[in-house]
Amino acid sequence: MGDMQVFLGPVILCVGLFLIGWFYDWIRGRRNKRDIELPEREDEGDR
């Protein structure tokens, strides 16, 4: 039982970090697609 936890600990940690990174990229990608529609107007407003 102890050996199994020592083995699964790092595996679960890596999988968790991978899923968090993938989910973050997916959310950021959806936001970027929404922003790409009107990028020129936003640039003009900032200047």
N, C-alpha and C. Protein backbone atom coordinates (compact mmCIF):
# COMPACT_ATOMS: atom_id res chain seq x y z
N MET A 1 0.85 -1.20 0.00
CA MET A 1 0.00 0.00 0.00
C MET A 1 0.89 1.26 0.00
N GLY A 2 1.92 1.25 0.87
CA GLY A 2 2.79 2.43 0.92
C GLY A 2 3.54 2.64 -0.39
N ASP A 3 4.02 1.53 -0.99
CA ASP A 3 4.76 1.66 -2.25
C ASP A 3 3.86 2.22 -3.35
N MET A 4 2.60 1.81 -3.34
CA MET A 4 1.68 2.27 -4.38
C MET A 4 1.47 3.78 -4.26
N GLN A 5 1.33 4.30 -3.05
CA GLN A 5 1.12 5.74 -2.88
C GLN A 5 2.35 6.51 -3.33
N VAL A 6 3.55 5.98 -3.03
CA VAL A 6 4.79 6.65 -3.45
C VAL A 6 4.85 6.72 -4.97
N PHE A 7 4.35 5.68 -5.65
CA PHE A 7 4.38 5.65 -7.11
C PHE A 7 3.29 6.54 -7.71
N LEU A 8 2.09 6.49 -7.14
CA LEU A 8 0.98 7.25 -7.71
C LEU A 8 1.07 8.74 -7.40
N GLY A 9 1.71 9.11 -6.31
CA GLY A 9 1.81 10.52 -5.95
C GLY A 9 2.32 11.40 -7.09
N PRO A 10 3.54 11.14 -7.58
CA PRO A 10 4.08 11.97 -8.67
C PRO A 10 3.26 11.85 -9.95
N VAL A 11 2.71 10.67 -10.21
CA VAL A 11 1.91 10.49 -11.44
C VAL A 11 0.67 11.38 -11.38
N ILE A 12 -0.04 11.35 -10.26
CA ILE A 12 -1.25 12.18 -10.12
C ILE A 12 -0.88 13.66 -10.20
N LEU A 13 0.25 14.02 -9.61
CA LEU A 13 0.68 15.42 -9.64
C LEU A 13 0.94 15.86 -11.08
N CYS A 14 1.65 15.03 -11.85
CA CYS A 14 1.95 15.39 -13.24
C CYS A 14 0.67 15.49 -14.07
N VAL A 15 -0.22 14.51 -13.89
CA VAL A 15 -1.48 14.54 -14.65
C VAL A 15 -2.30 15.77 -14.28
N GLY A 16 -2.32 16.09 -12.98
CA GLY A 16 -3.08 17.27 -12.54
C GLY A 16 -2.52 18.55 -13.15
N LEU A 17 -1.19 18.69 -13.13
CA LEU A 17 -0.58 19.89 -13.71
C LEU A 17 -0.85 19.96 -15.21
N PHE A 18 -0.80 18.80 -15.89
CA PHE A 18 -1.05 18.77 -17.33
C PHE A 18 -2.49 19.21 -17.63
N LEU A 19 -3.45 18.68 -16.86
CA LEU A 19 -4.84 19.05 -17.10
C LEU A 19 -5.07 20.53 -16.81
N ILE A 20 -4.46 21.05 -15.74
CA ILE A 20 -4.62 22.48 -15.42
C ILE A 20 -4.05 23.33 -16.54
N GLY A 21 -2.85 22.96 -17.04
CA GLY A 21 -2.24 23.72 -18.13
C GLY A 21 -3.07 23.65 -19.39
N TRP A 22 -3.61 22.46 -19.72
CA TRP A 22 -4.42 22.31 -20.92
C TRP A 22 -5.72 23.12 -20.79
N PHE A 23 -6.34 23.07 -19.61
CA PHE A 23 -7.59 23.80 -19.38
C PHE A 23 -7.34 25.31 -19.48
N TYR A 24 -6.20 25.77 -18.94
CA TYR A 24 -5.87 27.20 -18.99
C TYR A 24 -5.67 27.64 -20.44
N ASP A 25 -4.95 26.83 -21.22
CA ASP A 25 -4.72 27.17 -22.63
C ASP A 25 -6.05 27.19 -23.38
N TRP A 26 -6.97 26.25 -23.05
CA TRP A 26 -8.26 26.17 -23.74
C TRP A 26 -9.09 27.43 -23.46
N ILE A 27 -9.11 27.86 -22.19
CA ILE A 27 -9.86 29.06 -21.82
C ILE A 27 -9.24 30.27 -22.52
N ARG A 28 -7.91 30.38 -22.48
CA ARG A 28 -7.23 31.51 -23.10
C ARG A 28 -7.47 31.50 -24.61
N GLY A 29 -7.48 30.33 -25.22
CA GLY A 29 -7.71 30.23 -26.66
C GLY A 29 -9.12 30.71 -27.02
N ARG A 30 -10.11 30.36 -26.20
CA ARG A 30 -11.48 30.82 -26.47
C ARG A 30 -11.56 32.33 -26.37
N ARG A 31 -10.87 32.91 -25.38
CA ARG A 31 -10.91 34.37 -25.22
C ARG A 31 -10.23 35.03 -26.42
N ASN A 32 -9.11 34.47 -26.87
CA ASN A 32 -8.38 35.05 -27.99
C ASN A 32 -9.24 35.02 -29.25
N LYS A 33 -9.95 33.93 -29.49
CA LYS A 33 -10.81 33.85 -30.68
C LYS A 33 -11.87 34.95 -30.63
N ARG A 34 -12.40 35.23 -29.44
CA ARG A 34 -13.42 36.26 -29.29
C ARG A 34 -12.81 37.64 -29.56
N ASP A 35 -11.55 37.84 -29.10
CA ASP A 35 -10.92 39.15 -29.27
C ASP A 35 -10.44 39.38 -30.70
N ILE A 36 -10.12 38.31 -31.43
CA ILE A 36 -9.58 38.46 -32.80
C ILE A 36 -10.63 39.10 -33.72
N GLU A 37 -11.91 38.98 -33.38
CA GLU A 37 -12.95 39.51 -34.27
C GLU A 37 -12.80 41.02 -34.47
N LEU A 38 -12.49 41.77 -33.41
CA LEU A 38 -12.39 43.23 -33.53
C LEU A 38 -11.07 43.73 -32.94
N PRO A 39 -9.92 43.31 -33.49
CA PRO A 39 -8.66 43.75 -32.89
C PRO A 39 -8.30 45.19 -33.26
N GLU A 40 -8.68 45.61 -34.47
CA GLU A 40 -8.28 46.95 -34.95
C GLU A 40 -8.98 48.04 -34.15
N ARG A 41 -10.26 47.87 -33.87
CA ARG A 41 -10.98 48.91 -33.12
C ARG A 41 -10.40 49.07 -31.72
N GLU A 42 -10.04 47.95 -31.07
CA GLU A 42 -9.47 48.04 -29.72
C GLU A 42 -8.15 48.80 -29.75
N ASP A 43 -7.32 48.56 -30.78
CA ASP A 43 -6.03 49.26 -30.87
C ASP A 43 -6.26 50.77 -31.04
N GLU A 44 -7.23 51.15 -31.86
CA GLU A 44 -7.50 52.57 -32.08
C GLU A 44 -7.99 53.22 -30.79
N GLY A 45 -8.79 52.51 -30.03
CA GLY A 45 -9.32 53.08 -28.79
C GLY A 45 -8.22 53.28 -27.75
N ASP A 46 -7.22 52.40 -27.74
CA ASP A 46 -6.14 52.52 -26.75
C ASP A 46 -5.24 53.71 -27.06
N ARG A 47 -5.05 54.01 -28.35
CA ARG A 47 -4.11 55.08 -28.69
C ARG A 47 -4.65 56.47 -28.42
